[in-house]
């Protein structure tokens, strides 16, 4: 059973929503993550209210400090 199907079966709605959202991001971000940041921010902050704008910016700042290998 896939993780998303398992989350739905266990009635873990928020986990199913996050899993479906990440799956959508994976499909449209194959060219690079920076191309999908505006869409991700809109959904995470404005539509779903999972994060505040400050939390989103903190997460993006942490990502920029990680060295690329």
PDB file of N, CA and C in Angstrom:
ATOM      1  N   UNK A   1       0.858  -1.176   0.000  1.00  0.00           N
ATOM      2  CA  UNK A   1       0.000   0.000   0.000  1.00  0.00           C
ATOM      3  C   UNK A   1       0.900   1.233   0.000  1.00  0.00           C
ATOM      4  N   UNK A   2       0.570   2.187  -0.833  1.00  0.00           N
ATOM      5  CA  UNK A   2       1.375   3.405  -0.894  1.00  0.00           C
ATOM      6  C   UNK A   2       1.161   4.249   0.354  1.00  0.00           C
ATOM      7  N   UNK A   3       2.131   5.098   0.694  1.00  0.00           N
ATOM      8  CA  UNK A   3       1.972   5.929   1.889  1.00  0.00           C
ATOM      9  C   UNK A   3       0.739   6.831   1.852  1.00  0.00           C
ATOM     10  N   UNK A   4       0.418   7.370   0.676  1.00  0.00           N
ATOM     11  CA  UNK A   4      -0.760   8.244   0.589  1.00  0.00           C
ATOM     12  C   UNK A   4      -2.035   7.441   0.814  1.00  0.00           C
ATOM     13  N   UNK A   5      -2.117   6.255   0.207  1.00  0.00           N
ATOM     14  CA  UNK A   5      -3.294   5.401   0.406  1.00  0.00           C
ATOM     15  C   UNK A   5      -3.409   4.973   1.863  1.00  0.00           C
ATOM     16  N   UNK A   6      -2.266   4.706   2.504  1.00  0.00           N
ATOM     17  CA  UNK A   6      -2.271   4.326   3.913  1.00  0.00           C
ATOM     18  C   UNK A   6      -2.771   5.477   4.783  1.00  0.00           C
ATOM     19  N   UNK A   7      -2.339   6.698   4.474  1.00  0.00           N
ATOM     20  CA  UNK A   7      -2.800   7.864   5.238  1.00  0.00           C
ATOM     21  C   UNK A   7      -4.302   8.056   5.089  1.00  0.00           C
ATOM     22  N   UNK A   8      -4.816   7.848   3.883  1.00  0.00           N
ATOM     23  CA  UNK A   8      -6.261   7.967   3.650  1.00  0.00           C
ATOM     24  C   UNK A   8      -7.003   6.875   4.421  1.00  0.00           C
ATOM     25  N   UNK A   9      -6.477   5.647   4.371  1.00  0.00           N
ATOM     26  CA  UNK A   9      -7.125   4.530   5.063  1.00  0.00           C
ATOM     27  C   UNK A   9      -7.158   4.749   6.572  1.00  0.00           C
ATOM     28  N   UNK A  10      -6.119   5.375   7.101  1.00  0.00           N
ATOM     29  CA  UNK A  10      -6.058   5.631   8.540  1.00  0.00           C
ATOM     30  C   UNK A  10      -6.744   6.939   8.927  1.00  0.00           C
ATOM     31  N   UNK A  11      -7.390   7.576   7.951  1.00  0.00           N
ATOM     32  CA  UNK A  11      -8.100   8.830   8.152  1.00  0.00           C
ATOM     33  C   UNK A  11      -7.182   9.935   8.665  1.00  0.00           C
ATOM     34  N   UNK A  12      -5.940   9.910   8.224  1.00  0.00           N
ATOM     35  CA  UNK A  12      -4.991  10.970   8.546  1.00  0.00           C
ATOM     36  C   UNK A  12      -5.059  11.988   7.418  1.00  0.00           C
ATOM     37  N   UNK A  13      -6.112  12.790   7.434  1.00  0.00           N
ATOM     38  CA  UNK A  13      -6.394  13.699   6.330  1.00  0.00           C
ATOM     39  C   UNK A  13      -5.242  14.653   6.020  1.00  0.00           C
ATOM     40  N   UNK A  14      -4.626  15.221   7.044  1.00  0.00           N
ATOM     41  CA  UNK A  14      -3.558  16.184   6.795  1.00  0.00           C
ATOM     42  C   UNK A  14      -2.368  15.505   6.130  1.00  0.00           C
ATOM     43  N   UNK A  15      -2.056  14.280   6.531  1.00  0.00           N
ATOM     44  CA  UNK A  15      -0.947  13.562   5.895  1.00  0.00           C
ATOM     45  C   UNK A  15      -1.260  13.242   4.441  1.00  0.00           C
ATOM     46  N   UNK A  16      -2.504  12.906   4.154  1.00  0.00           N
ATOM     47  CA  UNK A  16      -2.910  12.634   2.778  1.00  0.00           C
ATOM     48  C   UNK A  16      -2.824  13.911   1.941  1.00  0.00           C
ATOM     49  N   UNK A  17      -3.234  15.039   2.508  1.00  0.00           N
ATOM     50  CA  UNK A  17      -3.157  16.318   1.793  1.00  0.00           C
ATOM     51  C   UNK A  17      -1.712  16.693   1.492  1.00  0.00           C
ATOM     52  N   UNK A  18      -0.836  16.542   2.490  1.00  0.00           N
ATOM     53  CA  UNK A  18       0.573  16.873   2.293  1.00  0.00           C
ATOM     54  C   UNK A  18       1.203  15.935   1.272  1.00  0.00           C
ATOM     55  N   UNK A  19       0.871  14.656   1.334  1.00  0.00           N
ATOM     56  CA  UNK A  19       1.395  13.698   0.369  1.00  0.00           C
ATOM     57  C   UNK A  19       0.948  14.001  -1.048  1.00  0.00           C
ATOM     58  N   UNK A  20      -0.306  14.343  -1.211  1.00  0.00           N
ATOM     59  CA  UNK A  20      -0.811  14.683  -2.546  1.00  0.00           C
ATOM     60  C   UNK A  20      -0.169  15.964  -3.059  1.00  0.00           C
ATOM     61  N   UNK A  21       0.014  16.940  -2.181  1.00  0.00           N
ATOM     62  CA  UNK A  21       0.649  18.197  -2.573  1.00  0.00           C
ATOM     63  C   UNK A  21       2.102  17.970  -2.998  1.00  0.00           C
ATOM     64  N   UNK A  22       2.834  17.177  -2.239  1.00  0.00           N
ATOM     65  CA  UNK A  22       4.234  16.897  -2.585  1.00  0.00           C
ATOM     66  C   UNK A  22       4.327  16.121  -3.897  1.00  0.00           C
ATOM     67  N   UNK A  23       3.373  15.254  -4.146  1.00  0.00           N
ATOM     68  CA  UNK A  23       3.355  14.527  -5.416  1.00  0.00           C
ATOM     69  C   UNK A  23       3.146  15.478  -6.584  1.00  0.00           C
ATOM     70  N   UNK A  24       2.255  16.455  -6.421  1.00  0.00           N
ATOM     71  CA  UNK A  24       2.053  17.464  -7.471  1.00  0.00           C
ATOM     72  C   UNK A  24       3.324  18.273  -7.701  1.00  0.00           C
ATOM     73  N   UNK A  25       3.985  18.658  -6.616  1.00  0.00           N
ATOM     74  CA  UNK A  25       5.223  19.415  -6.750  1.00  0.00           C
ATOM     75  C   UNK A  25       6.288  18.615  -7.486  1.00  0.00           C
ATOM     76  N   UNK A  26       6.374  17.338  -7.200  1.00  0.00           N
ATOM     77  CA  UNK A  26       7.383  16.492  -7.852  1.00  0.00           C
ATOM     78  C   UNK A  26       7.160  16.443  -9.356  1.00  0.00           C
ATOM     79  N   UNK A  27       5.924  16.438  -9.786  1.00  0.00           N
ATOM     80  CA  UNK A  27       5.620  16.368 -11.215  1.00  0.00           C
ATOM     81  C   UNK A  27       6.016  17.655 -11.933  1.00  0.00           C
ATOM     82  N   UNK A  28       5.755  18.809 -11.323  1.00  0.00           N
ATOM     83  CA  UNK A  28       6.011  20.067 -12.011  1.00  0.00           C
ATOM     84  C   UNK A  28       7.391  20.652 -11.741  1.00  0.00           C
ATOM     85  N   UNK A  29       8.148  20.081 -10.836  1.00  0.00           N
ATOM     86  CA  UNK A  29       9.450  20.663 -10.494  1.00  0.00           C
ATOM     87  C   UNK A  29      10.622  19.891 -11.077  1.00  0.00           C
ATOM     88  N   UNK A  30      10.392  19.103 -12.098  1.00  0.00           N
ATOM     89  CA  UNK A  30      11.487  18.301 -12.655  1.00  0.00           C
ATOM     90  C   UNK A  30      12.593  19.163 -13.255  1.00  0.00           C
ATOM     91  N   UNK A  31      12.304  20.405 -13.610  1.00  0.00           N
ATOM     92  CA  UNK A  31      13.301  21.286 -14.195  1.00  0.00           C
ATOM     93  C   UNK A  31      14.117  22.037 -13.153  1.00  0.00           C
ATOM     94  N   UNK A  32      13.731  21.975 -11.923  1.00  0.00           N
ATOM     95  CA  UNK A  32      14.441  22.669 -10.852  1.00  0.00           C
ATOM     96  C   UNK A  32      13.470  23.202  -9.821  1.00  0.00           C
ATOM     97  N   UNK A  33      13.912  23.223  -8.603  1.00  0.00           N
ATOM     98  CA  UNK A  33      13.026  23.613  -7.501  1.00  0.00           C
ATOM     99  C   UNK A  33      12.659  25.089  -7.529  1.00  0.00           C
ATOM    100  N   UNK A  34      13.558  25.933  -8.010  1.00  0.00           N
ATOM    101  CA  UNK A  34      13.274  27.360  -7.967  1.00  0.00           C
ATOM    102  C   UNK A  34      12.111  27.749  -8.868  1.00  0.00           C
ATOM    103  N   UNK A  35      11.818  26.962  -9.861  1.00  0.00           N
ATOM    104  CA  UNK A  35      10.702  27.259 -10.748  1.00  0.00           C
ATOM    105  C   UNK A  35       9.347  27.045 -10.108  1.00  0.00           C
ATOM    106  N   UNK A  36       9.298  26.292  -9.024  1.00  0.00           N
ATOM    107  CA  UNK A  36       8.020  25.960  -8.405  1.00  0.00           C
ATOM    108  C   UNK A  36       7.834  26.633  -7.043  1.00  0.00           C
ATOM    109  N   UNK A  37       8.792  27.438  -6.602  1.00  0.00           N
ATOM    110  CA  UNK A  37       8.705  28.057  -5.277  1.00  0.00           C
ATOM    111  C   UNK A  37       7.501  28.987  -5.123  1.00  0.00           C
ATOM    112  N   UNK A  38       7.177  29.739  -6.162  1.00  0.00           N
ATOM    113  CA  UNK A  38       6.026  30.652  -6.060  1.00  0.00           C
ATOM    114  C   UNK A  38       4.728  29.867  -5.878  1.00  0.00           C
ATOM    115  N   UNK A  39       4.572  28.790  -6.642  1.00  0.00           N
ATOM    116  CA  UNK A  39       3.371  27.955  -6.501  1.00  0.00           C
ATOM    117  C   UNK A  39       3.321  27.311  -5.117  1.00  0.00           C
ATOM    118  N   UNK A  40       4.453  26.785  -4.673  1.00  0.00           N
ATOM    119  CA  UNK A  40       4.507  26.137  -3.365  1.00  0.00           C
ATOM    120  C   UNK A  40       4.165  27.134  -2.260  1.00  0.00           C
ATOM    121  N   UNK A  41       4.709  28.339  -2.338  1.00  0.00           N
ATOM    122  CA  UNK A  41       4.422  29.360  -1.331  1.00  0.00           C
ATOM    123  C   UNK A  41       2.947  29.730  -1.326  1.00  0.00           C
ATOM    124  N   UNK A  42       2.367  29.882  -2.505  1.00  0.00           N
ATOM    125  CA  UNK A  42       0.948  30.238  -2.597  1.00  0.00           C
ATOM    126  C   UNK A  42       0.075  29.183  -1.929  1.00  0.00           C
ATOM    127  N   UNK A  43       0.330  27.929  -2.223  1.00  0.00           N
ATOM    128  CA  UNK A  43      -0.502  26.862  -1.664  1.00  0.00           C
ATOM    129  C   UNK A  43      -0.258  26.702  -0.166  1.00  0.00           C
ATOM    130  N   UNK A  44       0.996  26.628   0.238  1.00  0.00           N
ATOM    131  CA  UNK A  44       1.327  26.354   1.641  1.00  0.00           C
ATOM    132  C   UNK A  44       0.907  27.493   2.561  1.00  0.00           C
ATOM    133  N   UNK A  45       1.110  28.739   2.123  1.00  0.00           N
ATOM    134  CA  UNK A  45       0.823  29.893   2.987  1.00  0.00           C
ATOM    135  C   UNK A  45      -0.601  30.401   2.807  1.00  0.00           C
ATOM    136  N   UNK A  46      -1.014  30.627   1.568  1.00  0.00           N
ATOM    137  CA  UNK A  46      -2.285  31.293   1.320  1.00  0.00           C
ATOM    138  C   UNK A  46      -3.467  30.337   1.311  1.00  0.00           C
ATOM    139  N   UNK A  47      -3.361  29.259   0.549  1.00  0.00           N
ATOM    140  CA  UNK A  47      -4.501  28.364   0.368  1.00  0.00           C
ATOM    141  C   UNK A  47      -4.721  27.443   1.568  1.00  0.00           C
ATOM    142  N   UNK A  48      -3.664  26.729   1.996  1.00  0.00           N
ATOM    143  CA  UNK A  48      -3.814  25.727   3.056  1.00  0.00           C
ATOM    144  C   UNK A  48      -3.562  26.263   4.462  1.00  0.00           C
ATOM    145  N   UNK A  49      -2.869  27.390   4.571  1.00  0.00           N
ATOM    146  CA  UNK A  49      -2.521  27.959   5.882  1.00  0.00           C
ATOM    147  C   UNK A  49      -1.723  26.984   6.750  1.00  0.00           C
ATOM    148  N   UNK A  50      -0.847  26.218   6.105  1.00  0.00           N
ATOM    149  CA  UNK A  50       0.007  25.300   6.867  1.00  0.00           C
ATOM    150  C   UNK A  50       1.150  26.042   7.536  1.00  0.00           C
ATOM    151  N   UNK A  51       1.615  27.134   6.923  1.00  0.00           N
ATOM    152  CA  UNK A  51       2.703  27.947   7.464  1.00  0.00           C
ATOM    153  C   UNK A  51       2.331  29.416   7.376  1.00  0.00           C
ATOM    154  N   UNK A  52       2.965  30.204   8.228  1.00  0.00           N
ATOM    155  CA  UNK A  52       2.837  31.658   8.107  1.00  0.00           C
ATOM    156  C   UNK A  52       3.860  32.131   7.079  1.00  0.00           C
ATOM    157  N   UNK A  53       3.704  33.341   6.567  1.00  0.00           N
ATOM    158  CA  UNK A  53       4.707  33.850   5.631  1.00  0.00           C
ATOM    159  C   UNK A  53       6.118  33.876   6.230  1.00  0.00           C
ATOM    160  N   UNK A  54       6.238  34.223   7.514  1.00  0.00           N
ATOM    161  CA  UNK A  54       7.553  34.247   8.166  1.00  0.00           C
ATOM    162  C   UNK A  54       8.170  32.854   8.260  1.00  0.00           C
ATOM    163  N   UNK A  55       7.352  31.847   8.566  1.00  0.00           N
ATOM    164  CA  UNK A  55       7.856  30.475   8.630  1.00  0.00           C
ATOM    165  C   UNK A  55       8.333  30.006   7.258  1.00  0.00           C
ATOM    166  N   UNK A  56       7.606  30.381   6.219  1.00  0.00           N
ATOM    167  CA  UNK A  56       8.002  29.997   4.864  1.00  0.00           C
ATOM    168  C   UNK A  56       9.334  30.633   4.499  1.00  0.00           C
ATOM    169  N   UNK A  57       9.489  31.906   4.805  1.00  0.00           N
ATOM    170  CA  UNK A  57      10.744  32.595   4.509  1.00  0.00           C
ATOM    171  C   UNK A  57      11.904  31.999   5.305  1.00  0.00           C
ATOM    172  N   UNK A  58      11.661  31.617   6.560  1.00  0.00           N
ATOM    173  CA  UNK A  58      12.708  30.971   7.351  1.00  0.00           C
ATOM    174  C   UNK A  58      13.136  29.659   6.704  1.00  0.00           C
ATOM    175  N   UNK A  59      12.178  28.898   6.220  1.00  0.00           N
ATOM    176  CA  UNK A  59      12.498  27.641   5.549  1.00  0.00           C
ATOM    177  C   UNK A  59      13.301  27.855   4.276  1.00  0.00           C
ATOM    178  N   UNK A  60      12.945  28.877   3.516  1.00  0.00           N
ATOM    179  CA  UNK A  60      13.701  29.178   2.298  1.00  0.00           C
ATOM    180  C   UNK A  60      15.105  29.668   2.636  1.00  0.00           C
ATOM    181  N   UNK A  61      15.250  30.437   3.698  1.00  0.00           N
ATOM    182  CA  UNK A  61      16.575  30.894   4.116  1.00  0.00           C
ATOM    183  C   UNK A  61      17.459  29.728   4.525  1.00  0.00           C
ATOM    184  N   UNK A  62      16.902  28.755   5.226  1.00  0.00           N
ATOM    185  CA  UNK A  62      17.674  27.567   5.611  1.00  0.00           C
ATOM    186  C   UNK A  62      18.139  26.805   4.381  1.00  0.00           C
ATOM    187  N   UNK A  63      17.286  26.711   3.379  1.00  0.00           N
ATOM    188  CA  UNK A  63      17.639  25.984   2.157  1.00  0.00           C
ATOM    189  C   UNK A  63      18.805  26.642   1.443  1.00  0.00           C
ATOM    190  N   UNK A  64      18.836  27.958   1.415  1.00  0.00           N
ATOM    191  CA  UNK A  64      19.905  28.662   0.718  1.00  0.00           C
ATOM    192  C   UNK A  64      21.252  28.510   1.417  1.00  0.00           C
ATOM    193  N   UNK A  65      21.258  28.190   2.705  1.00  0.00           N
ATOM    194  CA  UNK A  65      22.507  28.051   3.437  1.00  0.00           C
ATOM    195  C   UNK A  65      23.109  26.656   3.326  1.00  0.00           C
ATOM    196  N   UNK A  66      22.359  25.700   2.814  1.00  0.00           N
ATOM    197  CA  UNK A  66      22.859  24.335   2.678  1.00  0.00           C
ATOM    198  C   UNK A  66      23.744  24.239   1.450  1.00  0.00           C
ATOM    199  N   UNK A  67      24.939  23.706   1.590  1.00  0.00           N
ATOM    200  CA  UNK A  67      25.826  23.603   0.429  1.00  0.00           C
ATOM    201  C   UNK A  67      25.304  22.590  -0.588  1.00  0.00           C
ATOM    202  N   UNK A  68      25.494  22.911  -1.839  1.00  0.00           N
ATOM    203  CA  UNK A  68      25.078  22.020  -2.926  1.00  0.00           C
ATOM    204  C   UNK A  68      26.243  21.105  -3.245  1.00  0.00           C
ATOM    205  N   UNK A  69      25.954  19.828  -3.387  1.00  0.00           N
ATOM    206  CA  UNK A  69      27.024  18.854  -3.700  1.00  0.00           C
ATOM    207  C   UNK A  69      26.932  18.409  -5.098  1.00  0.00           C
TER     208      UNK A  69
END
